């Protein structure tokens, strides 16, 4: 049989094709009587194999918006994979958007105005103010649920999938101390991020417990990019009493730090031991292989999508559920024992 078209649905329901489109995509814009007529026509004609009718009844699109702030960052690839695989298992599609710095809320607003989505996953949700998240739930008819991923507990009052960044910083510090280091530096993550504070605080706790004084000059600006790592290396190079080890905000910055030192004929771990964060796919094959904090990125993505689906389906969950996944340190060649 010939597959039914939207025109066939319109004729069956006795309305225009534009009305059918509005009834499917913006059911709140038509009367209940019209909506029922279109629904009946969709079901009678098996329009789009009844999938549209099913979503129409539920007022769902089976689509989720994923917001990332640096889509080219290799860190996100495994997060996307986890989200995508879980979405496909439940017949959902995902749309990924990459806003410019400071433009997160504008991008999300634009998507919600022009495309029906059932929910939003925000990667690194610290880029959005809590007031903007409140607006997101009001601007869209149906109030799509919003889930944050890789955020610090309690920072935003939305459901979250996260890791314990403070404990991760502590693990990095303890490893360096156990390897004999006493002059330990840190290259911070980006400004205005809770993970910046948490990871630094974890390192500071490890140093304090070991009786190692906190030296202000050993805490550099760094960021989450190779450029930031190179800048941290310049800060390290400028010191007369250089640290023997450094914990860097993430793996990409750690690689930038190592690369910059090599330009001056200094090699890791002989010149300095280096620990990164994330355990991205390149960490193991980098030269030297990078000691780092592993976070389960693909599982984090899967859990974020599962949490969002639970909220969409109105399953029995808390109003602001938080899923915390474990981290661990992966020792490799970029850290050596001293003393």
Protein backbone atom coordinates (compact mmCIF):
# COMPACT_ATOMS: atom_id res chain seq x y z
CA UNK A 1 0.00 0.00 0.00
CA UNK A 2 1.04 3.57 -0.64
CA UNK A 3 2.40 5.27 2.47
CA UNK A 4 0.03 7.93 3.79
CA UNK A 5 1.11 11.55 3.45
CA UNK A 6 0.33 14.57 5.56
CA UNK A 7 -2.09 15.61 2.82
CA UNK A 8 -3.96 12.30 3.25
CA UNK A 9 -4.21 12.99 6.99
CA UNK A 10 -5.51 16.51 6.32
CA UNK A 11 -8.21 15.23 3.93
CA UNK A 12 -9.22 12.47 6.36
CA UNK A 13 -9.51 14.97 9.22
CA UNK A 14 -11.14 17.69 7.13
CA UNK A 15 -8.49 20.28 7.94
CA UNK A 16 -5.53 21.91 6.19
CA UNK A 17 -2.04 20.41 6.09
CA UNK A 18 -0.83 23.39 8.14
CA UNK A 19 -3.35 22.49 10.84
CA UNK A 20 -2.12 18.89 10.84
CA UNK A 21 1.45 20.13 11.22
CA UNK A 22 0.50 22.38 14.12
CA UNK A 23 -1.48 19.60 15.77
CA UNK A 24 1.54 17.28 15.61
CA UNK A 25 4.30 19.72 16.50
CA UNK A 26 2.45 22.24 18.70
CA UNK A 27 -0.71 20.52 19.97
CA UNK A 28 -1.38 23.37 22.38
CA UNK A 29 -1.94 25.68 19.38
CA UNK A 30 -5.10 23.86 18.15
CA UNK A 31 -8.43 23.13 19.81
CA UNK A 32 -9.00 19.81 21.53
CA UNK A 33 -11.65 18.93 18.93
CA UNK A 34 -9.21 19.50 16.07
CA UNK A 35 -6.48 17.63 17.86
CA UNK A 36 -8.72 14.59 18.28
CA UNK A 37 -9.74 14.66 14.60
CA UNK A 38 -6.11 14.75 13.49
CA UNK A 39 -5.16 12.02 15.94
CA UNK A 40 -7.94 9.80 14.63
CA UNK A 41 -6.86 10.40 11.03
CA UNK A 42 -3.23 9.59 11.85
CA UNK A 43 -4.21 6.32 13.47
CA UNK A 44 -6.67 5.39 10.72
CA UNK A 45 -4.12 5.97 7.98
CA UNK A 46 -1.13 4.55 9.91
CA UNK A 47 0.73 7.77 9.17
CA UNK A 48 4.52 7.26 9.60
CA UNK A 49 3.83 3.72 10.82
CA UNK A 50 1.80 5.11 13.71
CA UNK A 51 4.94 6.48 15.38
CA UNK A 52 3.79 10.06 14.97
CA UNK A 53 0.40 9.15 16.37
CA UNK A 54 2.06 7.55 19.38
CA UNK A 55 4.20 10.59 20.06
CA UNK A 56 1.24 12.84 19.35
CA UNK A 57 -0.81 11.15 22.05
CA UNK A 58 2.03 11.54 24.50
CA UNK A 59 2.88 15.01 23.17
CA UNK A 60 6.45 13.85 22.75
CA UNK A 61 9.04 14.09 20.02
CA UNK A 62 11.41 11.34 21.23
CA UNK A 63 14.19 13.89 20.83
CA UNK A 64 16.66 15.27 23.37
CA UNK A 65 18.84 18.37 23.14
CA UNK A 66 22.45 17.97 24.34
CA UNK A 67 24.38 21.17 25.10
CA UNK A 68 28.19 21.04 25.05
CA UNK A 69 30.54 24.00 25.35
CA UNK A 70 33.53 22.65 23.47
CA UNK A 71 32.31 20.05 21.01
CA UNK A 72 35.82 19.63 19.60
CA UNK A 73 37.23 18.57 22.98
CA UNK A 74 38.07 14.86 22.90
CA UNK A 75 36.73 14.54 26.45
CA UNK A 76 33.18 14.86 25.16
CA UNK A 77 33.37 12.02 22.63
CA UNK A 78 32.87 9.27 25.21
CA UNK A 79 30.11 11.24 26.95
CA UNK A 80 28.29 11.57 23.61
CA UNK A 81 28.73 7.85 22.98
CA UNK A 82 27.09 6.95 26.29
CA UNK A 83 24.21 9.35 25.71
CA UNK A 84 23.69 8.16 22.12
CA UNK A 85 23.70 4.45 22.92
CA UNK A 86 21.21 4.83 25.76
CA UNK A 87 19.02 7.10 23.63
CA UNK A 88 18.94 4.68 20.71
CA UNK A 89 17.99 1.82 23.03
CA UNK A 90 14.82 3.77 23.91
CA UNK A 91 14.09 5.00 20.35
CA UNK A 92 15.23 8.55 21.07
CA UNK A 93 17.38 10.80 18.92
CA UNK A 94 19.75 13.49 20.15
CA UNK A 95 20.62 16.92 18.80
CA UNK A 96 23.96 18.36 19.91
CA UNK A 97 24.48 22.12 20.09
CA UNK A 98 27.73 23.96 20.76
CA UNK A 99 27.05 27.50 22.07
CA UNK A 100 29.62 30.26 22.13
CA UNK A 101 30.98 31.27 25.55
CA UNK A 102 28.26 33.06 27.48
CA UNK A 103 25.61 32.15 24.90
CA UNK A 104 24.33 28.92 26.42
CA UNK A 105 20.89 30.11 27.41
CA UNK A 106 20.32 31.87 24.06
CA UNK A 107 21.08 28.67 22.14
CA UNK A 108 18.81 26.56 24.32
CA UNK A 109 16.01 29.11 24.12
CA UNK A 110 16.28 29.15 20.32
CA UNK A 111 16.03 25.36 20.13
CA UNK A 112 13.06 25.22 22.44
CA UNK A 113 11.25 27.92 20.51
CA UNK A 114 11.69 26.22 17.14
CA UNK A 115 11.88 22.50 17.86
CA UNK A 116 9.93 20.27 20.18
CA UNK A 117 12.26 18.33 22.47
CA UNK A 118 11.41 16.16 25.43
CA UNK A 119 14.38 17.13 27.57
CA UNK A 120 17.80 18.76 27.78
CA UNK A 121 21.18 17.41 28.91
CA UNK A 122 23.73 20.09 29.77
CA UNK A 123 27.38 19.03 29.76
CA UNK A 124 29.40 21.15 32.17
CA UNK A 125 26.26 22.92 33.37
CA UNK A 126 28.26 25.46 35.36
CA UNK A 127 28.22 27.67 32.25
CA UNK A 128 24.52 28.39 32.89
CA UNK A 129 23.26 30.52 35.75
CA UNK A 130 20.60 29.00 37.97
CA UNK A 131 18.27 31.86 37.05
CA UNK A 132 18.61 30.90 33.38
CA UNK A 133 17.71 27.29 34.20
CA UNK A 134 14.58 28.55 35.93
CA UNK A 135 13.69 30.47 32.78
CA UNK A 136 14.21 27.38 30.63
CA UNK A 137 11.48 25.55 32.50
CA UNK A 138 9.05 28.43 31.90
CA UNK A 139 9.75 29.37 28.28
CA UNK A 140 8.69 26.00 26.85
CA UNK A 141 5.15 24.67 27.05
CA UNK A 142 5.36 21.31 28.79
CA UNK A 143 8.44 22.24 30.89
CA UNK A 144 11.09 19.84 29.55
CA UNK A 145 13.26 18.28 32.24
CA UNK A 146 16.89 19.38 32.38
CA UNK A 147 19.73 17.13 33.55
CA UNK A 148 23.27 18.28 34.25
CA UNK A 149 26.34 16.15 33.63
CA UNK A 150 29.77 16.35 35.30
CA UNK A 151 28.67 18.97 37.79
CA UNK A 152 29.48 19.44 41.46
CA UNK A 153 26.90 18.22 43.97
CA UNK A 154 24.56 20.96 45.13
CA UNK A 155 25.81 23.61 42.69
CA UNK A 156 22.65 23.64 40.59
CA UNK A 157 19.22 22.57 41.78
CA UNK A 158 18.61 20.18 38.89
CA UNK A 159 19.13 16.43 38.53
CA UNK A 160 22.80 15.63 38.00
CA UNK A 161 25.25 12.90 37.10
CA UNK A 162 28.62 13.69 38.60
CA UNK A 163 31.88 12.57 40.16
CA UNK A 164 33.52 13.62 43.43
CA UNK A 165 36.03 16.16 42.13
CA UNK A 166 37.36 16.96 45.59
CA UNK A 167 38.20 13.30 46.21
CA UNK A 168 39.80 13.12 42.76
CA UNK A 169 42.12 16.02 43.63
CA UNK A 170 42.93 14.31 46.92
CA UNK A 171 43.85 11.08 45.10
CA UNK A 172 46.22 12.99 42.82
CA UNK A 173 47.87 14.68 45.78
CA UNK A 174 48.24 11.45 47.77
CA UNK A 175 49.85 9.68 44.81
CA UNK A 176 52.47 12.40 44.37
CA UNK A 177 53.20 12.44 48.10
CA UNK A 178 53.54 8.64 48.17
CA UNK A 179 56.00 8.93 45.27
CA UNK A 180 58.20 11.11 47.49
CA UNK A 181 57.26 14.59 46.22
CA UNK A 182 57.08 17.51 48.65
CA UNK A 183 57.17 20.46 46.25
CA UNK A 184 53.83 19.98 44.49
CA UNK A 185 52.14 22.50 42.20
CA UNK A 186 48.67 22.77 40.71
CA UNK A 187 47.38 24.28 37.47
CA UNK A 188 43.78 25.37 38.07
CA UNK A 189 40.82 24.62 35.83
CA UNK A 190 38.83 27.49 34.24
CA UNK A 191 37.53 30.42 36.28
CA UNK A 192 34.00 30.34 37.70
CA UNK A 193 33.78 26.57 37.70
CA UNK A 194 33.03 24.51 40.79
CA UNK A 195 35.34 21.73 39.56
CA UNK A 196 38.20 24.24 39.67
CA UNK A 197 37.67 24.78 43.38
CA UNK A 198 36.90 21.16 44.21
CA UNK A 199 39.95 19.65 42.52
CA UNK A 200 42.29 22.24 44.05
CA UNK A 201 40.73 21.75 47.48
CA UNK A 202 41.28 18.00 47.27
CA UNK A 203 44.96 18.51 46.51
CA UNK A 204 45.29 21.05 49.32
CA UNK A 205 43.72 18.60 51.78
CA UNK A 206 46.24 15.91 50.83
CA UNK A 207 49.13 18.36 51.27
CA UNK A 208 47.83 19.61 54.62
CA UNK A 209 47.36 16.08 55.96
CA UNK A 210 50.97 15.31 55.02
CA UNK A 211 52.23 18.44 56.75
CA UNK A 212 53.34 20.03 53.48
CA UNK A 213 52.95 23.83 53.48
CA UNK A 214 50.71 25.39 50.81
CA UNK A 215 52.85 27.71 48.71
CA UNK A 216 50.82 30.32 46.84
CA UNK A 217 53.37 30.56 44.05
CA UNK A 218 52.85 26.86 43.29
CA UNK A 219 49.22 27.37 42.26
CA UNK A 220 49.02 28.56 38.65
CA UNK A 221 46.27 29.49 36.23
CA UNK A 222 45.78 26.75 33.69
CA UNK A 223 42.35 26.05 32.23
CA UNK A 224 41.18 23.02 30.28
CA UNK A 225 43.11 23.56 27.03
CA UNK A 226 46.63 22.92 25.78
CA UNK A 227 47.09 26.70 25.64
CA UNK A 228 46.31 26.91 29.34
CA UNK A 229 48.74 24.08 30.02
CA UNK A 230 51.49 25.88 28.13
CA UNK A 231 50.80 29.03 30.14
CA UNK A 232 51.09 27.02 33.37
CA UNK A 233 54.43 25.67 32.13
CA UNK A 234 55.68 29.22 31.67
CA UNK A 235 54.67 29.98 35.26
CA UNK A 236 56.55 26.87 36.40
CA UNK A 237 59.62 27.86 34.40
CA UNK A 238 59.66 31.34 35.94
CA UNK A 239 60.15 29.98 39.48
CA UNK A 240 63.60 29.81 41.03
CA UNK A 241 62.54 26.99 43.34
CA UNK A 242 60.61 24.84 40.91
CA UNK A 243 58.08 22.20 42.04
CA UNK A 244 59.08 18.60 41.35
CA UNK A 245 55.48 17.62 40.50
CA UNK A 246 52.27 19.22 39.28
CA UNK A 247 48.60 18.23 39.17
CA UNK A 248 47.00 19.80 36.09
CA UNK A 249 43.28 20.59 35.60
CA UNK A 250 42.74 18.07 32.79
CA UNK A 251 44.64 15.84 30.37
CA UNK A 252 44.67 18.29 27.47
CA UNK A 253 46.21 20.99 29.66
CA UNK A 254 48.67 18.45 31.07
CA UNK A 255 49.79 17.60 27.55
CA UNK A 256 50.20 21.30 26.80
CA UNK A 257 52.35 21.63 29.93
CA UNK A 258 54.58 18.71 28.90
CA UNK A 259 54.88 20.01 25.34
CA UNK A 260 55.94 23.47 26.49
CA UNK A 261 58.63 22.09 28.79
CA UNK A 262 60.04 20.02 25.92
CA UNK A 263 60.60 23.21 23.93
CA UNK A 264 63.13 24.18 26.60
CA UNK A 265 64.82 20.79 26.52
CA UNK A 266 63.08 19.66 29.72
CA UNK A 267 61.42 16.27 29.77
CA UNK A 268 58.73 14.71 31.94
CA UNK A 269 59.03 13.06 34.40
CA UNK A 270 62.72 13.97 34.89
CA UNK A 271 62.12 17.72 35.04
CA UNK A 272 58.75 17.38 36.76
CA UNK A 273 56.18 14.68 37.38
CA UNK A 274 52.75 15.44 35.88
CA UNK A 275 49.23 14.19 36.69
CA UNK A 276 46.27 15.00 34.44
CA UNK A 277 42.53 14.51 34.79
CA UNK A 278 39.88 12.66 32.70
CA UNK A 279 41.90 9.77 31.22
CA UNK A 280 41.05 10.70 27.66
CA UNK A 281 41.77 8.19 24.92
CA UNK A 282 45.15 9.81 24.10
CA UNK A 283 46.46 9.69 27.69
CA UNK A 284 47.75 6.13 27.46
CA UNK A 285 49.52 6.61 24.13
CA UNK A 286 50.97 10.06 24.85
CA UNK A 287 54.75 10.28 25.39
CA UNK A 288 55.24 9.89 28.24
CA UNK A 289 52.07 7.94 28.99
CA UNK A 290 50.06 10.24 31.23
CA UNK A 291 49.27 9.47 34.86
CA UNK A 292 45.73 10.74 35.33
CA UNK A 293 42.43 10.57 37.19
CA UNK A 294 40.00 8.32 35.35
CA UNK A 295 36.36 9.29 35.25
CA UNK A 296 33.88 6.86 33.59
CA UNK A 297 32.84 9.17 30.78
CA UNK A 298 30.74 6.79 28.67
CA UNK A 299 28.91 5.53 31.76
CA UNK A 300 28.31 9.12 32.84
CA UNK A 301 26.64 9.83 29.50
CA UNK A 302 24.55 6.67 29.74
CA UNK A 303 23.45 7.49 33.26
CA UNK A 304 22.55 11.06 32.30
CA UNK A 305 20.31 9.83 29.49
CA UNK A 306 18.77 7.16 31.75
CA UNK A 307 18.05 9.77 34.40
CA UNK A 308 16.44 12.07 31.84
CA UNK A 309 14.29 9.22 30.51
CA UNK A 310 13.17 8.36 34.04
CA UNK A 311 12.02 11.95 34.52
CA UNK A 312 10.32 12.09 31.11
CA UNK A 313 8.47 8.85 31.85
CA UNK A 314 7.60 10.16 35.33
CA UNK A 315 9.05 7.13 37.04
CA UNK A 316 9.24 7.06 40.82
CA UNK A 317 12.35 9.19 41.42
CA UNK A 318 13.35 12.07 43.68
CA UNK A 319 12.61 15.61 42.55
CA UNK A 320 16.34 16.38 42.21
CA UNK A 321 18.11 13.02 41.93
CA UNK A 322 21.90 12.89 41.90
CA UNK A 323 23.92 9.98 40.51
CA UNK A 324 27.54 9.92 41.64
CA UNK A 325 30.02 7.65 39.86
CA UNK A 326 33.46 6.61 41.19
CA UNK A 327 36.87 7.84 40.02
CA UNK A 328 40.31 6.30 40.38
CA UNK A 329 43.92 7.16 39.65
CA UNK A 330 45.70 5.50 36.72
CA UNK A 331 49.49 5.46 37.28
CA UNK A 332 51.62 5.68 34.14
CA UNK A 333 55.00 7.06 33.05
CA UNK A 334 54.59 10.80 33.66
CA UNK A 335 55.18 10.46 37.42
CA UNK A 336 58.43 9.18 38.91
CA UNK A 337 59.53 8.45 42.46
CA UNK A 338 61.94 10.92 44.05
CA UNK A 339 63.96 11.03 47.26
